[in-house]
């Protein structure tokens, strides 16, 4: 999986998870949705993405067998 796709999948998963948790557990979980959205916006403008750094350290998208 390409790193860019992995970041999108991670962000989407985090948003859907926080929405479900806010519905079933506590509305305070919406802060996680806001945090993910702010990170997406700031990474669009600055180019710095914490999720990208973490996923690279985990080996996503950086192996020799990655499809181009």
C-alpha atoms as a PDB file:
ATOM      1  CA  UNK A   1       0.000   0.000   0.000  1.00  0.00           C
ATOM      2  CA  UNK A   2       1.268   3.449  -0.835  1.00  0.00           C
ATOM      3  CA  UNK A   3       2.000   5.741   2.077  1.00  0.00           C
ATOM      4  CA  UNK A   4      -0.505   8.346   0.881  1.00  0.00           C
ATOM      5  CA  UNK A   5      -3.290   5.757   0.743  1.00  0.00           C
ATOM      6  CA  UNK A   6      -2.357   4.453   4.181  1.00  0.00           C
ATOM      7  CA  UNK A   7      -2.625   7.972   5.626  1.00  0.00           C
ATOM      8  CA  UNK A   8      -6.054   8.445   4.086  1.00  0.00           C
ATOM      9  CA  UNK A   9      -7.194   5.056   5.392  1.00  0.00           C
ATOM     10  CA  UNK A  10      -5.878   5.869   8.866  1.00  0.00           C
ATOM     11  CA  UNK A  11      -7.567   9.280   8.932  1.00  0.00           C
ATOM     12  CA  UNK A  12     -10.873   7.845   7.719  1.00  0.00           C
ATOM     13  CA  UNK A  13     -10.738   5.047  10.264  1.00  0.00           C
ATOM     14  CA  UNK A  14      -9.976   7.471  13.094  1.00  0.00           C
ATOM     15  CA  UNK A  15     -12.862   9.746  12.093  1.00  0.00           C
ATOM     16  CA  UNK A  16     -15.408   6.940  11.784  1.00  0.00           C
ATOM     17  CA  UNK A  17     -14.239   5.383  15.061  1.00  0.00           C
ATOM     18  CA  UNK A  18     -14.518   8.666  16.930  1.00  0.00           C
ATOM     19  CA  UNK A  19     -17.981   9.294  15.487  1.00  0.00           C
ATOM     20  CA  UNK A  20     -19.155   5.866  16.634  1.00  0.00           C
ATOM     21  CA  UNK A  21     -17.617   6.382  20.083  1.00  0.00           C
ATOM     22  CA  UNK A  22     -19.237   9.798  20.389  1.00  0.00           C
ATOM     23  CA  UNK A  23     -22.624   8.294  19.569  1.00  0.00           C
ATOM     24  CA  UNK A  24     -22.395   5.282  21.876  1.00  0.00           C
ATOM     25  CA  UNK A  25     -20.029   6.397  24.669  1.00  0.00           C
ATOM     26  CA  UNK A  26     -19.574  10.157  25.068  1.00  0.00           C
ATOM     27  CA  UNK A  27     -19.841  13.276  22.882  1.00  0.00           C
ATOM     28  CA  UNK A  28     -16.324  14.192  24.027  1.00  0.00           C
ATOM     29  CA  UNK A  29     -14.971  11.735  21.439  1.00  0.00           C
ATOM     30  CA  UNK A  30     -15.792  14.378  18.808  1.00  0.00           C
ATOM     31  CA  UNK A  31     -12.574  16.097  19.928  1.00  0.00           C
ATOM     32  CA  UNK A  32     -10.685  13.247  18.246  1.00  0.00           C
ATOM     33  CA  UNK A  33     -12.525  13.989  14.999  1.00  0.00           C
ATOM     34  CA  UNK A  34     -11.566  17.658  15.314  1.00  0.00           C
ATOM     35  CA  UNK A  35      -7.941  16.720  16.033  1.00  0.00           C
ATOM     36  CA  UNK A  36      -7.746  14.538  12.910  1.00  0.00           C
ATOM     37  CA  UNK A  37      -9.316  17.298  10.798  1.00  0.00           C
ATOM     38  CA  UNK A  38      -6.899  19.939  12.098  1.00  0.00           C
ATOM     39  CA  UNK A  39      -3.953  17.637  11.396  1.00  0.00           C
ATOM     40  CA  UNK A  40      -5.172  17.068   7.849  1.00  0.00           C
ATOM     41  CA  UNK A  41      -5.493  20.813   7.265  1.00  0.00           C
ATOM     42  CA  UNK A  42      -2.125  21.731   8.740  1.00  0.00           C
ATOM     43  CA  UNK A  43      -0.378  18.972   6.781  1.00  0.00           C
ATOM     44  CA  UNK A  44      -1.885  20.320   3.557  1.00  0.00           C
ATOM     45  CA  UNK A  45      -0.323  23.717   4.195  1.00  0.00           C
ATOM     46  CA  UNK A  46       2.936  22.825   5.943  1.00  0.00           C
ATOM     47  CA  UNK A  47       3.781  19.427   4.478  1.00  0.00           C
ATOM     48  CA  UNK A  48       4.415  18.035   7.980  1.00  0.00           C
ATOM     49  CA  UNK A  49       2.325  14.985   8.825  1.00  0.00           C
ATOM     50  CA  UNK A  50       2.895  13.126  12.096  1.00  0.00           C
ATOM     51  CA  UNK A  51       1.004  10.083  10.786  1.00  0.00           C
ATOM     52  CA  UNK A  52       3.383   9.901   7.819  1.00  0.00           C
ATOM     53  CA  UNK A  53       6.398   9.774  10.122  1.00  0.00           C
ATOM     54  CA  UNK A  54       4.827   7.046  12.255  1.00  0.00           C
ATOM     55  CA  UNK A  55       3.749   4.935   9.281  1.00  0.00           C
ATOM     56  CA  UNK A  56       7.213   5.206   7.685  1.00  0.00           C
ATOM     57  CA  UNK A  57       8.809   3.961  10.904  1.00  0.00           C
ATOM     58  CA  UNK A  58       6.378   1.043  10.815  1.00  0.00           C
ATOM     59  CA  UNK A  59       7.527   0.234   7.271  1.00  0.00           C
ATOM     60  CA  UNK A  60       4.452   1.289   5.316  1.00  0.00           C
ATOM     61  CA  UNK A  61       5.220   2.361   1.758  1.00  0.00           C
ATOM     62  CA  UNK A  62       8.975   2.253   2.160  1.00  0.00           C
ATOM     63  CA  UNK A  63       9.907  -1.299   1.253  1.00  0.00           C
ATOM     64  CA  UNK A  64      11.689  -2.353  -1.893  1.00  0.00           C
ATOM     65  CA  UNK A  65       8.582  -4.230  -3.035  1.00  0.00           C
ATOM     66  CA  UNK A  66       6.297  -1.174  -3.127  1.00  0.00           C
ATOM     67  CA  UNK A  67       4.310  -0.794  -6.339  1.00  0.00           C
ATOM     68  CA  UNK A  68       4.893   2.472  -8.147  1.00  0.00           C
END
